[in-house]
Amino acid sequence: MMTSKERVIAQIEHEETDFIPYTLSFEGDVAERLDEYYGGSGWRDKLDLDIRHVPAVEFGVDTEAERLSTDMFGTVWRVDLRPFHLEVPALKEPSFEGYEFPPTEAFFSEGWRERALEVAAEYKDYFLVVGFGFGLFERTWCMRGFMNALTDVVANPGFYRELVARIADSQMKIIEELLTLPVDGIMFSDDWGDQRGVILGPDRWRELLKPHLARMYDLVHGAGKYTLSHCCGNPSDVVPDAIEIGLDVLESVQPEAMSPYGLKKAYGEHLTFWGGLGSQSVIPFGTPEEIHREVNRLCAEMGGGGGYILAPAKALQPETPTENAAAVVEAFLAQAGVAV
C-alpha cells in the first residue's frame, strides 16, 4: 500500500498507482447535509485526502469581518456577501507615487513557522503543499480593480509591466520563505482564464507574465520541490508555455471550459492534471449514476499512464443536491477501494 505522498509523487512522475489520489472539499452547508443523509459524520473519516495544505501566508482579507476588510496592500473588500468582492482598489490611479508595497514579514503572522511545522509533522505521509494566495495576474486587479487593470494593459502598458514586476519581486521573497518548510510543492493560484480563454490573451500573457512565472518556477525546482497552479477557466492556449517554463501540475481543469480528455491527449506526457469533474455541470445537474460514470472515466482515461489527481473543478458548492454530493463521495471512495 502506497502512502499518500508516494501516490501523488508517482502520478506527477507519470507512473500509475494503486488507485488515483484525490482531494475533495465542501462549501456552504453541503457537509452538514451529508451528515444528515448518512445519519452521522462517520463518512468524513473515510475521506483520506492525499494532498494536504500547510498554513503559512496570511491571505490578507478577513472574511469574518462584519462588512469591510482592508488587506495588507490597502485594497478594501466587501466580505458580507458571497463571493466577497473588491470595493476600493489600493491604487486608484496608474501611479506608484506615495505607495509602498507591504514588506515580506507582513504576510506572516507571529508563530507562523511553528504552526506550519506542526501541521507538516502531523501529515508527513501526505503530499504537502503551501500557497500564498493571489497570483501575478490576480494581484494586479486586486490592486487596481478589474476594469482598471485590463485598461492599464492597453492604455498604460509601462505602468502595468512595472506593476507585474513589483508583484513578482514581492512574491519571490514570499516563496523563498515558504521553501524553508518541509513541503513537497508550492501552490500557485492565478485565474488566467475565463471560460472563453486567456483573459489577457495568450500573446500578452507570454509577454507580461511568463518571464516572471519562469523565474518563480525555477526557484521552486531549485529547492527540489514541485510547482502546482490553480487556474479557473480555459488557459489551454498557454498550457504549452506553462509546461515549457516548468509547471508540474495544473489544478481545476474545468470541463465546462475545456476538455480534460483533450488536454490529456495533447499534454499528458508532460503535465499532471488535478480536477476535471464538472462543478458547473455533472455535479449539480447530473444524476448520481452519471456522476459515478464520469468519475470512473476520469480515473481510467486521465489516470492512464499516471499524471492525474482526482477532484472536482471546485469545492462542492451549496447548490449541489445532497444525493449528488453523496454520489461524489461514494464514487471517490469506491475507486480507492473504500465503502461508505
C-alpha atoms as a PDB file:
ATOM      1  CA  MET A   1       0.000   0.000   0.000  1.00  0.00           C
ATOM      2  CA  MET A   2       1.474   3.344  -1.056  1.00  0.00           C
ATOM      3  CA  THR A   3       1.438   6.365   1.221  1.00  0.00           C
ATOM      4  CA  SER A   4      -0.424   9.434   0.006  1.00  0.00           C
ATOM      5  CA  LYS A   5       2.881  11.216  -0.600  1.00  0.00           C
ATOM      6  CA  GLU A   6       4.210   8.321  -2.663  1.00  0.00           C
ATOM      7  CA  ARG A   7       0.947   8.096  -4.586  1.00  0.00           C
ATOM      8  CA  VAL A   8       0.869  11.764  -5.594  1.00  0.00           C
ATOM      9  CA  ILE A   9       4.566  11.909  -6.456  1.00  0.00           C
ATOM     10  CA  ALA A  10       4.205   8.797  -8.609  1.00  0.00           C
ATOM     11  CA  GLN A  11       1.348  10.399 -10.523  1.00  0.00           C
ATOM     12  CA  ILE A  12       3.347  13.612 -11.044  1.00  0.00           C
ATOM     13  CA  GLU A  13       6.198  11.442 -12.339  1.00  0.00           C
ATOM     14  CA  HIS A  14       3.674   9.782 -14.694  1.00  0.00           C
ATOM     15  CA  GLU A  15       3.566   6.425 -13.012  1.00  0.00           C
ATOM     16  CA  GLU A  16       0.339   4.536 -12.338  1.00  0.00           C
ATOM     17  CA  THR A  17      -0.607   3.935  -8.708  1.00  0.00           C
ATOM     18  CA  ASP A  18      -2.683   1.532  -6.602  1.00  0.00           C
ATOM     19  CA  PHE A  19      -5.581   3.965  -7.042  1.00  0.00           C
ATOM     20  CA  ILE A  20      -5.932   7.557  -8.192  1.00  0.00           C
ATOM     21  CA  PRO A  21      -5.067  10.071  -5.445  1.00  0.00           C
ATOM     22  CA  TYR A  22      -7.859  12.523  -4.747  1.00  0.00           C
ATOM     23  CA  THR A  23      -8.942  15.669  -2.938  1.00  0.00           C
ATOM     24  CA  LEU A  24     -12.461  16.778  -2.055  1.00  0.00           C
ATOM     25  CA  SER A  25     -13.814  19.809  -0.209  1.00  0.00           C
ATOM     26  CA  PHE A  26     -17.184  21.368   0.525  1.00  0.00           C
ATOM     27  CA  GLU A  27     -18.655  24.856   0.791  1.00  0.00           C
ATOM     28  CA  GLY A  28     -21.801  26.139   2.459  1.00  0.00           C
ATOM     29  CA  ASP A  29     -23.974  23.515   4.134  1.00  0.00           C
ATOM     30  CA  VAL A  30     -23.067  20.556   1.897  1.00  0.00           C
ATOM     31  CA  ALA A  31     -21.100  18.627   4.534  1.00  0.00           C
ATOM     32  CA  GLU A  32     -23.780  19.182   7.170  1.00  0.00           C
ATOM     33  CA  ARG A  33     -26.467  17.898   4.796  1.00  0.00           C
ATOM     34  CA  LEU A  34     -24.332  14.813   4.196  1.00  0.00           C
ATOM     35  CA  ASP A  35     -24.129  14.247   7.955  1.00  0.00           C
ATOM     36  CA  GLU A  36     -27.920  14.151   7.991  1.00  0.00           C
ATOM     37  CA  TYR A  37     -28.065  11.991   4.856  1.00  0.00           C
ATOM     38  CA  TYR A  38     -25.712   9.368   6.357  1.00  0.00           C
ATOM     39  CA  GLY A  39     -27.062   9.666   9.886  1.00  0.00           C
ATOM     40  CA  GLY A  40     -23.765  10.894  11.296  1.00  0.00           C
ATOM     41  CA  SER A  41     -20.317  12.208  10.445  1.00  0.00           C
ATOM     42  CA  GLY A  42     -18.546   8.854  10.051  1.00  0.00           C
ATOM     43  CA  TRP A  43     -18.340   9.317   6.278  1.00  0.00           C
ATOM     44  CA  ARG A  44     -15.911  12.206   6.833  1.00  0.00           C
ATOM     45  CA  ASP A  45     -13.360   9.935   8.494  1.00  0.00           C
ATOM     46  CA  LYS A  46     -13.301   7.695   5.438  1.00  0.00           C
ATOM     47  CA  LEU A  47     -12.167  10.517   3.160  1.00  0.00           C
ATOM     48  CA  ASP A  48      -8.359  10.332   3.274  1.00  0.00           C
ATOM     49  CA  LEU A  49      -7.261  13.261   1.099  1.00  0.00           C
ATOM     50  CA  ASP A  50      -3.880  12.664  -0.490  1.00  0.00           C
ATOM     51  CA  ILE A  51      -2.832  16.338  -0.718  1.00  0.00           C
ATOM     52  CA  ARG A  52      -2.752  18.499   2.411  1.00  0.00           C
ATOM     53  CA  HIS A  53      -2.317  22.258   2.619  1.00  0.00           C
ATOM     54  CA  VAL A  54       0.113  23.660   5.168  1.00  0.00           C
ATOM     55  CA  PRO A  55      -0.996  27.068   6.508  1.00  0.00           C
ATOM     56  CA  ALA A  56       1.642  29.785   6.328  1.00  0.00           C
ATOM     57  CA  VAL A  57       0.856  33.016   4.477  1.00  0.00           C
ATOM     58  CA  GLU A  58      -1.779  35.482   5.651  1.00  0.00           C
ATOM     59  CA  PHE A  59      -4.388  35.800   2.900  1.00  0.00           C
ATOM     60  CA  GLY A  60      -4.959  39.422   3.858  1.00  0.00           C
ATOM     61  CA  VAL A  61      -8.769  39.502   3.616  1.00  0.00           C
ATOM     62  CA  ASP A  62     -10.673  38.962   6.864  1.00  0.00           C
ATOM     63  CA  THR A  63     -13.743  37.131   5.599  1.00  0.00           C
ATOM     64  CA  GLU A  64     -15.131  37.078   9.137  1.00  0.00           C
ATOM     65  CA  ALA A  65     -15.296  40.882   9.322  1.00  0.00           C
ATOM     66  CA  GLU A  66     -18.735  42.427   9.700  1.00  0.00           C
ATOM     67  CA  ARG A  67     -18.772  44.107   6.286  1.00  0.00           C
ATOM     68  CA  LEU A  68     -15.455  45.533   5.025  1.00  0.00           C
ATOM     69  CA  SER A  69     -11.873  44.285   5.260  1.00  0.00           C
ATOM     70  CA  THR A  70      -8.681  46.047   4.151  1.00  0.00           C
ATOM     71  CA  ASP A  71      -5.817  43.813   3.035  1.00  0.00           C
ATOM     72  CA  MET A  72      -2.103  44.489   3.533  1.00  0.00           C
ATOM     73  CA  PHE A  73      -1.886  46.139   0.108  1.00  0.00           C
ATOM     74  CA  GLY A  74      -4.561  48.675   1.038  1.00  0.00           C
ATOM     75  CA  THR A  75      -7.414  47.254  -1.042  1.00  0.00           C
ATOM     76  CA  VAL A  76     -10.836  47.327   0.617  1.00  0.00           C
ATOM     77  CA  TRP A  77     -13.021  44.213   0.235  1.00  0.00           C
ATOM     78  CA  ARG A  78     -16.727  43.664   0.869  1.00  0.00           C
ATOM     79  CA  VAL A  79     -16.896  40.385   2.769  1.00  0.00           C
ATOM     80  CA  ASP A  80     -20.503  40.027   3.956  1.00  0.00           C
ATOM     81  CA  LEU A  81     -21.668  38.727   0.559  1.00  0.00           C
ATOM     82  CA  ARG A  82     -20.796  35.551  -1.323  1.00  0.00           C
ATOM     83  CA  PRO A  83     -18.429  35.783  -3.028  1.00  0.00           C
ATOM     84  CA  PHE A  84     -16.581  38.595  -1.292  1.00  0.00           C
ATOM     85  CA  HIS A  85     -15.541  41.274  -3.762  1.00  0.00           C
ATOM     86  CA  LEU A  86     -13.312  44.300  -4.232  1.00  0.00           C
ATOM     87  CA  GLU A  87     -14.776  47.666  -3.179  1.00  0.00           C
ATOM     88  CA  VAL A  88     -11.864  50.151  -3.312  1.00  0.00           C
ATOM     89  CA  PRO A  89      -8.535  49.343  -5.015  1.00  0.00           C
ATOM     90  CA  ALA A  90      -5.238  50.138  -3.338  1.00  0.00           C
ATOM     91  CA  LEU A  91      -4.019  52.041  -6.410  1.00  0.00           C
ATOM     92  CA  LYS A  92      -6.819  54.261  -7.664  1.00  0.00           C
ATOM     93  CA  GLU A  93      -4.604  55.720 -10.379  1.00  0.00           C
ATOM     94  CA  PRO A  94      -1.936  54.110 -12.617  1.00  0.00           C
ATOM     95  CA  SER A  95       0.870  55.505 -10.482  1.00  0.00           C
ATOM     96  CA  PHE A  96       3.136  54.344  -7.654  1.00  0.00           C
ATOM     97  CA  GLU A  97       3.570  57.845  -6.260  1.00  0.00           C
ATOM     98  CA  GLY A  98       3.419  57.710  -2.468  1.00  0.00           C
ATOM     99  CA  TYR A  99       2.790  53.944  -2.448  1.00  0.00           C
ATOM    100  CA  GLU A 100       4.947  51.267  -0.811  1.00  0.00           C
ATOM    101  CA  PHE A 101       4.497  47.536  -1.187  1.00  0.00           C
ATOM    102  CA  PRO A 102       3.972  45.660   2.076  1.00  0.00           C
ATOM    103  CA  PRO A 103       7.183  44.146   3.461  1.00  0.00           C
ATOM    104  CA  THR A 104       7.596  40.388   3.280  1.00  0.00           C
ATOM    105  CA  GLU A 105       7.022  39.998   7.020  1.00  0.00           C
ATOM    106  CA  ALA A 106       3.511  41.448   6.626  1.00  0.00           C
ATOM    107  CA  PHE A 107       2.453  38.166   5.022  1.00  0.00           C
ATOM    108  CA  PHE A 108       3.495  36.064   8.009  1.00  0.00           C
ATOM    109  CA  SER A 109       1.861  36.345  11.409  1.00  0.00           C
ATOM    110  CA  GLU A 110       3.666  35.653  14.666  1.00  0.00           C
ATOM    111  CA  GLY A 111       4.247  31.946  15.193  1.00  0.00           C
ATOM    112  CA  TRP A 112       3.502  31.039  11.587  1.00  0.00           C
ATOM    113  CA  ARG A 113       6.517  28.766  11.200  1.00  0.00           C
ATOM    114  CA  GLU A 114       5.776  26.775  14.340  1.00  0.00           C
ATOM    115  CA  ARG A 115       2.166  26.254  13.248  1.00  0.00           C
ATOM    116  CA  ALA A 116       3.274  25.220   9.753  1.00  0.00           C
ATOM    117  CA  LEU A 117       5.835  22.760  11.093  1.00  0.00           C
ATOM    118  CA  GLU A 118       3.248  21.245  13.411  1.00  0.00           C
ATOM    119  CA  VAL A 119       0.848  20.575  10.524  1.00  0.00           C
ATOM    120  CA  ALA A 120       3.675  19.265   8.335  1.00  0.00           C
ATOM    121  CA  ALA A 121       4.712  16.825  11.052  1.00  0.00           C
ATOM    122  CA  GLU A 122       1.140  15.640  11.579  1.00  0.00           C
ATOM    123  CA  TYR A 123       0.686  14.909   7.861  1.00  0.00           C
ATOM    124  CA  LYS A 124       4.226  13.845   6.979  1.00  0.00           C
ATOM    125  CA  ASP A 125       2.980  10.853   4.968  1.00  0.00           C
ATOM    126  CA  TYR A 126       0.848  13.085   2.741  1.00  0.00           C
ATOM    127  CA  PHE A 127       1.818  15.266  -0.204  1.00  0.00           C
ATOM    128  CA  LEU A 128       2.196  18.708   1.370  1.00  0.00           C
ATOM    129  CA  VAL A 129       1.688  21.995  -0.433  1.00  0.00           C
ATOM    130  CA  VAL A 130       1.871  25.581   0.740  1.00  0.00           C
ATOM    131  CA  GLY A 131       0.481  28.580  -1.121  1.00  0.00           C
ATOM    132  CA  PHE A 132       0.444  32.355  -0.946  1.00  0.00           C
ATOM    133  CA  GLY A 133      -2.930  33.420  -2.342  1.00  0.00           C
ATOM    134  CA  PHE A 134      -3.488  35.658  -5.349  1.00  0.00           C
ATOM    135  CA  GLY A 135      -1.009  35.146  -8.194  1.00  0.00           C
ATOM    136  CA  LEU A 136       0.530  37.688 -10.554  1.00  0.00           C
ATOM    137  CA  PHE A 137      -2.446  38.491 -12.759  1.00  0.00           C
ATOM    138  CA  GLU A 138      -4.981  38.384  -9.951  1.00  0.00           C
ATOM    139  CA  ARG A 139      -2.872  40.619  -7.725  1.00  0.00           C
ATOM    140  CA  THR A 140      -2.734  43.286 -10.455  1.00  0.00           C
ATOM    141  CA  TRP A 141      -6.504  43.624 -10.492  1.00  0.00           C
ATOM    142  CA  CYS A 142      -6.695  43.254  -6.715  1.00  0.00           C
ATOM    143  CA  MET A 143      -4.544  46.369  -6.515  1.00  0.00           C
ATOM    144  CA  ARG A 144      -6.113  48.321  -9.381  1.00  0.00           C
ATOM    145  CA  GLY A 145      -9.635  46.953  -9.798  1.00  0.00           C
ATOM    146  CA  PHE A 146     -10.512  44.544 -12.601  1.00  0.00           C
ATOM    147  CA  MET A 147     -11.553  47.046 -15.276  1.00  0.00           C
ATOM    148  CA  ASN A 148      -8.702  49.411 -14.398  1.00  0.00           C
ATOM    149  CA  ALA A 149      -6.121  46.628 -14.640  1.00  0.00           C
ATOM    150  CA  LEU A 150      -7.321  45.490 -18.053  1.00  0.00           C
ATOM    151  CA  THR A 151      -7.394  49.097 -19.224  1.00  0.00           C
ATOM    152  CA  ASP A 152      -3.815  49.550 -17.970  1.00  0.00           C
ATOM    153  CA  VAL A 153      -2.652  46.635 -20.112  1.00  0.00           C
ATOM    154  CA  VAL A 154      -3.553  48.655 -23.215  1.00  0.00           C
ATOM    155  CA  ALA A 155      -3.589  52.313 -22.130  1.00  0.00           C
ATOM    156  CA  ASN A 156      -0.781  52.271 -19.548  1.00  0.00           C
ATOM    157  CA  PRO A 157       1.425  49.347 -20.603  1.00  0.00           C
ATOM    158  CA  GLY A 158       4.584  50.677 -18.950  1.00  0.00           C
ATOM    159  CA  PHE A 159       2.819  51.020 -15.615  1.00  0.00           C
ATOM    160  CA  TYR A 160       1.210  47.591 -15.888  1.00  0.00           C
ATOM    161  CA  ARG A 161       4.524  45.957 -16.792  1.00  0.00           C
ATOM    162  CA  GLU A 162       6.166  47.561 -13.749  1.00  0.00           C
ATOM    163  CA  LEU A 163       3.234  46.552 -11.545  1.00  0.00           C
ATOM    164  CA  VAL A 164       3.641  42.912 -12.565  1.00  0.00           C
ATOM    165  CA  ALA A 165       7.403  43.101 -11.982  1.00  0.00           C
ATOM    166  CA  ARG A 166       6.994  44.586  -8.499  1.00  0.00           C
ATOM    167  CA  ILE A 167       4.413  41.982  -7.554  1.00  0.00           C
ATOM    168  CA  ALA A 168       6.691  39.226  -8.864  1.00  0.00           C
ATOM    169  CA  ASP A 169       9.616  40.523  -6.801  1.00  0.00           C
ATOM    170  CA  SER A 170       7.396  40.513  -3.702  1.00  0.00           C
ATOM    171  CA  GLN A 171       6.159  37.000  -4.388  1.00  0.00           C
ATOM    172  CA  MET A 172       9.680  35.695  -4.989  1.00  0.00           C
ATOM    173  CA  LYS A 173      10.593  36.757  -1.441  1.00  0.00           C
ATOM    174  CA  ILE A 174       7.486  35.037  -0.059  1.00  0.00           C
ATOM    175  CA  ILE A 175       8.301  31.849  -1.953  1.00  0.00           C
ATOM    176  CA  GLU A 176      11.851  31.900  -0.585  1.00  0.00           C
ATOM    177  CA  GLU A 177      10.387  31.801   2.933  1.00  0.00           C
ATOM    178  CA  LEU A 178       7.956  29.014   2.043  1.00  0.00           C
ATOM    179  CA  LEU A 179      10.727  26.897   0.561  1.00  0.00           C
ATOM    180  CA  THR A 180      12.275  26.598   4.031  1.00  0.00           C
ATOM    181  CA  LEU A 181       9.313  24.423   5.086  1.00  0.00           C
ATOM    182  CA  PRO A 182       9.283  20.611   4.724  1.00  0.00           C
ATOM    183  CA  VAL A 183       6.677  20.608   1.943  1.00  0.00           C
ATOM    184  CA  ASP A 184       6.585  18.844  -1.402  1.00  0.00           C
ATOM    185  CA  GLY A 185       5.284  21.629  -3.587  1.00  0.00           C
ATOM    186  CA  ILE A 186       4.417  25.311  -3.857  1.00  0.00           C
ATOM    187  CA  MET A 187       0.775  26.001  -4.687  1.00  0.00           C
ATOM    188  CA  PHE A 188       0.391  28.901  -7.092  1.00  0.00           C
ATOM    189  CA  SER A 189      -3.088  30.320  -7.699  1.00  0.00           C
ATOM    190  CA  ASP A 190      -3.924  32.616 -10.598  1.00  0.00           C
ATOM    191  CA  ASP A 191      -7.075  32.605 -12.716  1.00  0.00           C
ATOM    192  CA  TRP A 192      -5.511  33.370 -16.075  1.00  0.00           C
ATOM    193  CA  GLY A 193      -8.664  32.369 -17.923  1.00  0.00           C
ATOM    194  CA  ASP A 194     -12.359  32.878 -18.138  1.00  0.00           C
ATOM    195  CA  GLN A 195     -14.386  30.164 -19.813  1.00  0.00           C
ATOM    196  CA  ARG A 196     -13.604  31.517 -23.280  1.00  0.00           C
ATOM    197  CA  GLY A 197      -9.830  31.623 -23.000  1.00  0.00           C
ATOM    198  CA  VAL A 198      -6.911  33.556 -21.532  1.00  0.00           C
ATOM    199  CA  ILE A 199      -8.208  36.898 -20.233  1.00  0.00           C
ATOM    200  CA  LEU A 200      -5.100  38.858 -21.198  1.00  0.00           C
ATOM    201  CA  GLY A 201      -4.862  36.953 -24.456  1.00  0.00           C
ATOM    202  CA  PRO A 202      -2.068  34.409 -24.960  1.00  0.00           C
ATOM    203  CA  ASP A 203       0.384  36.892 -26.506  1.00  0.00           C
ATOM    204  CA  ARG A 204       0.140  39.379 -23.637  1.00  0.00           C
ATOM    205  CA  TRP A 205       0.250  36.505 -21.124  1.00  0.00           C
ATOM    206  CA  ARG A 206       3.536  35.415 -22.693  1.00  0.00           C
ATOM    207  CA  GLU A 207       4.927  38.940 -22.705  1.00  0.00           C
ATOM    208  CA  LEU A 208       3.794  40.085 -19.252  1.00  0.00           C
ATOM    209  CA  LEU A 209       3.502  37.013 -17.015  1.00  0.00           C
ATOM    210  CA  LYS A 210       5.535  34.169 -18.469  1.00  0.00           C
ATOM    211  CA  PRO A 211       9.052  35.520 -17.759  1.00  0.00           C
ATOM    212  CA  HIS A 212       8.234  36.124 -14.085  1.00  0.00           C
ATOM    213  CA  LEU A 213       6.499  32.775 -13.694  1.00  0.00           C
ATOM    214  CA  ALA A 214       9.574  31.133 -15.213  1.00  0.00           C
ATOM    215  CA  ARG A 215      11.856  32.552 -12.523  1.00  0.00           C
ATOM    216  CA  MET A 216       9.386  31.572  -9.788  1.00  0.00           C
ATOM    217  CA  TYR A 217       9.166  28.006 -11.081  1.00  0.00           C
ATOM    218  CA  ASP A 218      12.964  27.869 -11.359  1.00  0.00           C
ATOM    219  CA  LEU A 219      13.242  28.960  -7.739  1.00  0.00           C
ATOM    220  CA  VAL A 220      10.896  26.178  -6.628  1.00  0.00           C
ATOM    221  CA  HIS A 221      12.595  23.499  -8.715  1.00  0.00           C
ATOM    222  CA  GLY A 222      15.977  24.663  -7.467  1.00  0.00           C
ATOM    223  CA  ALA A 223      14.797  23.742  -3.968  1.00  0.00           C
ATOM    224  CA  GLY A 224      13.780  20.276  -5.170  1.00  0.00           C
ATOM    225  CA  LYS A 225      10.030  20.871  -4.956  1.00  0.00           C
ATOM    226  CA  TYR A 226       7.126  20.684  -7.389  1.00  0.00           C
ATOM    227  CA  THR A 227       5.137  23.539  -8.927  1.00  0.00           C
ATOM    228  CA  LEU A 228       1.347  23.316  -8.809  1.00  0.00           C
ATOM    229  CA  SER A 229      -1.026  26.007 -10.046  1.00  0.00           C
ATOM    230  CA  HIS A 230      -4.737  26.533  -9.609  1.00  0.00           C
ATOM    231  CA  CYS A 231      -6.308  28.178 -12.645  1.00  0.00           C
ATOM    232  CA  CYS A 232     -10.010  28.531 -13.350  1.00  0.00           C
ATOM    233  CA  GLY A 233     -11.406  28.962 -16.840  1.00  0.00           C
ATOM    234  CA  ASN A 234      -9.692  27.941 -20.059  1.00  0.00           C
ATOM    235  CA  PRO A 235      -5.928  28.540 -20.144  1.00  0.00           C
ATOM    236  CA  SER A 236      -5.374  25.898 -22.844  1.00  0.00           C
ATOM    237  CA  ASP A 237      -3.703  28.367 -25.249  1.00  0.00           C
ATOM    238  CA  VAL A 238      -0.835  28.833 -22.804  1.00  0.00           C
ATOM    239  CA  VAL A 239      -0.594  25.304 -21.398  1.00  0.00           C
ATOM    240  CA  PRO A 240       2.413  24.539 -23.671  1.00  0.00           C
ATOM    241  CA  ASP A 241       4.107  27.687 -22.351  1.00  0.00           C
ATOM    242  CA  ALA A 242       3.417  26.682 -18.745  1.00  0.00           C
ATOM    243  CA  ILE A 243       4.956  23.278 -19.437  1.00  0.00           C
ATOM    244  CA  GLU A 244       7.955  24.931 -21.087  1.00  0.00           C
ATOM    245  CA  ILE A 245       8.739  27.051 -18.009  1.00  0.00           C
ATOM    246  CA  GLY A 246       8.275  24.189 -15.581  1.00  0.00           C
ATOM    247  CA  LEU A 247       4.700  23.796 -14.348  1.00  0.00           C
ATOM    248  CA  ASP A 248       4.261  20.293 -12.937  1.00  0.00           C
ATOM    249  CA  VAL A 249       0.554  20.229 -12.023  1.00  0.00           C
ATOM    250  CA  LEU A 250      -2.424  22.196 -13.388  1.00  0.00           C
ATOM    251  CA  GLU A 251      -5.360  22.284 -10.975  1.00  0.00           C
ATOM    252  CA  SER A 252      -9.077  22.860 -11.571  1.00  0.00           C
ATOM    253  CA  VAL A 253      -9.309  21.700 -15.221  1.00  0.00           C
ATOM    254  CA  GLN A 254     -12.880  22.923 -15.713  1.00  0.00           C
ATOM    255  CA  PRO A 255     -14.619  20.601 -18.195  1.00  0.00           C
ATOM    256  CA  GLU A 256     -17.203  23.289 -18.975  1.00  0.00           C
ATOM    257  CA  ALA A 257     -14.386  25.455 -20.353  1.00  0.00           C
ATOM    258  CA  MET A 258     -12.104  22.859 -21.968  1.00  0.00           C
ATOM    259  CA  SER A 259     -11.890  19.112 -22.419  1.00  0.00           C
ATOM    260  CA  PRO A 260      -9.822  17.330 -19.759  1.00  0.00           C
ATOM    261  CA  TYR A 261      -9.516  14.398 -22.130  1.00  0.00           C
ATOM    262  CA  GLY A 262      -8.265  16.631 -24.940  1.00  0.00           C
ATOM    263  CA  LEU A 263      -5.675  18.125 -22.602  1.00  0.00           C
ATOM    264  CA  LYS A 264      -4.578  14.664 -21.507  1.00  0.00           C
ATOM    265  CA  LYS A 265      -4.160  13.547 -25.107  1.00  0.00           C
ATOM    266  CA  ALA A 266      -2.199  16.646 -26.082  1.00  0.00           C
ATOM    267  CA  TYR A 267      -0.057  17.237 -22.995  1.00  0.00           C
ATOM    268  CA  GLY A 268      -0.446  14.241 -20.705  1.00  0.00           C
ATOM    269  CA  GLU A 269       3.169  13.142 -21.096  1.00  0.00           C
ATOM    270  CA  HIS A 270       4.418  16.460 -19.756  1.00  0.00           C
ATOM    271  CA  LEU A 271       1.848  17.733 -17.251  1.00  0.00           C
ATOM    272  CA  THR A 272      -0.228  16.323 -14.406  1.00  0.00           C
ATOM    273  CA  PHE A 273      -3.890  17.343 -14.241  1.00  0.00           C
ATOM    274  CA  TRP A 274      -5.725  17.787 -10.945  1.00  0.00           C
ATOM    275  CA  GLY A 275      -9.516  18.150 -11.073  1.00  0.00           C
ATOM    276  CA  GLY A 276     -11.761  17.728 -14.085  1.00  0.00           C
ATOM    277  CA  LEU A 277     -15.090  16.728 -12.509  1.00  0.00           C
ATOM    278  CA  GLY A 278     -17.613  19.348 -13.577  1.00  0.00           C
ATOM    279  CA  SER A 279     -18.685  21.640 -10.743  1.00  0.00           C
ATOM    280  CA  GLN A 280     -20.999  23.549 -13.088  1.00  0.00           C
ATOM    281  CA  SER A 281     -22.364  20.548 -14.960  1.00  0.00           C
ATOM    282  CA  VAL A 282     -22.448  16.942 -13.837  1.00  0.00           C
ATOM    283  CA  ILE A 283     -22.154  17.596 -10.084  1.00  0.00           C
ATOM    284  CA  PRO A 284     -25.147  19.942  -9.699  1.00  0.00           C
ATOM    285  CA  PHE A 285     -27.205  18.848 -12.719  1.00  0.00           C
ATOM    286  CA  GLY A 286     -26.315  15.228 -13.432  1.00  0.00           C
ATOM    287  CA  THR A 287     -27.788  12.123 -11.870  1.00  0.00           C
ATOM    288  CA  PRO A 288     -25.884  10.099  -9.257  1.00  0.00           C
ATOM    289  CA  GLU A 289     -25.382   7.434 -11.919  1.00  0.00           C
ATOM    290  CA  GLU A 290     -23.869   9.995 -14.313  1.00  0.00           C
ATOM    291  CA  ILE A 291     -21.514  11.184 -11.578  1.00  0.00           C
ATOM    292  CA  HIS A 292     -20.285   7.628 -10.958  1.00  0.00           C
ATOM    293  CA  ARG A 293     -19.744   7.078 -14.691  1.00  0.00           C
ATOM    294  CA  GLU A 294     -17.789  10.306 -15.110  1.00  0.00           C
ATOM    295  CA  VAL A 295     -15.573   9.604 -12.075  1.00  0.00           C
ATOM    296  CA  ASN A 296     -14.824   6.148 -13.455  1.00  0.00           C
ATOM    297  CA  ARG A 297     -13.994   7.616 -16.862  1.00  0.00           C
ATOM    298  CA  LEU A 298     -11.718  10.263 -15.377  1.00  0.00           C
ATOM    299  CA  CYS A 299      -9.818   7.655 -13.391  1.00  0.00           C
ATOM    300  CA  ALA A 300      -9.469   5.341 -16.379  1.00  0.00           C
ATOM    301  CA  GLU A 301      -8.611   7.860 -19.103  1.00  0.00           C
ATOM    302  CA  MET A 302      -6.949  10.719 -17.237  1.00  0.00           C
ATOM    303  CA  GLY A 303      -5.132   8.300 -14.930  1.00  0.00           C
ATOM    304  CA  GLY A 304      -3.839   6.097 -17.730  1.00  0.00           C
ATOM    305  CA  GLY A 305      -0.049   6.211 -17.574  1.00  0.00           C
ATOM    306  CA  GLY A 306      -0.151   8.414 -14.492  1.00  0.00           C
ATOM    307  CA  GLY A 307      -0.386  12.178 -14.426  1.00  0.00           C
ATOM    308  CA  TYR A 308      -3.759  12.628 -12.738  1.00  0.00           C
ATOM    309  CA  ILE A 309      -5.213  13.617  -9.357  1.00  0.00           C
ATOM    310  CA  LEU A 310      -8.970  13.205  -8.991  1.00  0.00           C
ATOM    311  CA  ALA A 311     -11.017  16.186  -7.774  1.00  0.00           C
ATOM    312  CA  PRO A 312     -13.989  18.359  -8.658  1.00  0.00           C
ATOM    313  CA  ALA A 313     -13.005  21.506 -10.544  1.00  0.00           C
ATOM    314  CA  LYS A 314     -14.199  23.445  -7.483  1.00  0.00           C
ATOM    315  CA  ALA A 315     -15.283  22.533  -3.969  1.00  0.00           C
ATOM    316  CA  LEU A 316     -18.821  21.132  -3.865  1.00  0.00           C
ATOM    317  CA  GLN A 317     -20.998  24.228  -3.958  1.00  0.00           C
ATOM    318  CA  PRO A 318     -24.093  24.940  -1.811  1.00  0.00           C
ATOM    319  CA  GLU A 319     -26.403  24.341  -4.780  1.00  0.00           C
ATOM    320  CA  THR A 320     -25.224  20.706  -5.055  1.00  0.00           C
ATOM    321  CA  PRO A 321     -28.166  18.347  -4.381  1.00  0.00           C
ATOM    322  CA  THR A 322     -27.493  16.143  -1.367  1.00  0.00           C
ATOM    323  CA  GLU A 323     -27.862  12.940  -3.390  1.00  0.00           C
ATOM    324  CA  ASN A 324     -25.306  14.203  -5.884  1.00  0.00           C
ATOM    325  CA  ALA A 325     -22.871  15.195  -3.156  1.00  0.00           C
ATOM    326  CA  ALA A 326     -23.221  11.694  -1.728  1.00  0.00           C
ATOM    327  CA  ALA A 327     -22.594  10.233  -5.186  1.00  0.00           C
ATOM    328  CA  VAL A 328     -19.332  12.199  -5.454  1.00  0.00           C
ATOM    329  CA  VAL A 329     -18.182  10.985  -2.033  1.00  0.00           C
ATOM    330  CA  GLU A 330     -19.111   7.382  -2.780  1.00  0.00           C
ATOM    331  CA  ALA A 331     -17.545   7.395  -6.257  1.00  0.00           C
ATOM    332  CA  PHE A 332     -14.273   8.816  -4.916  1.00  0.00           C
ATOM    333  CA  LEU A 333     -14.158   6.290  -2.085  1.00  0.00           C
ATOM    334  CA  ALA A 334     -15.109   3.390  -4.365  1.00  0.00           C
ATOM    335  CA  GLN A 335     -12.162   3.985  -6.703  1.00  0.00           C
ATOM    336  CA  ALA A 336      -9.944   3.973  -3.598  1.00  0.00           C
ATOM    337  CA  GLY A 337     -11.461   0.676  -2.508  1.00  0.00           C
ATOM    338  CA  VAL A 338     -13.400   2.128   0.442  1.00  0.00           C
ATOM    339  CA  ALA A 339     -17.136   1.748   1.140  1.00  0.00           C
ATOM    340  CA  VAL A 340     -19.197   4.410   2.912  1.00  0.00           C
END
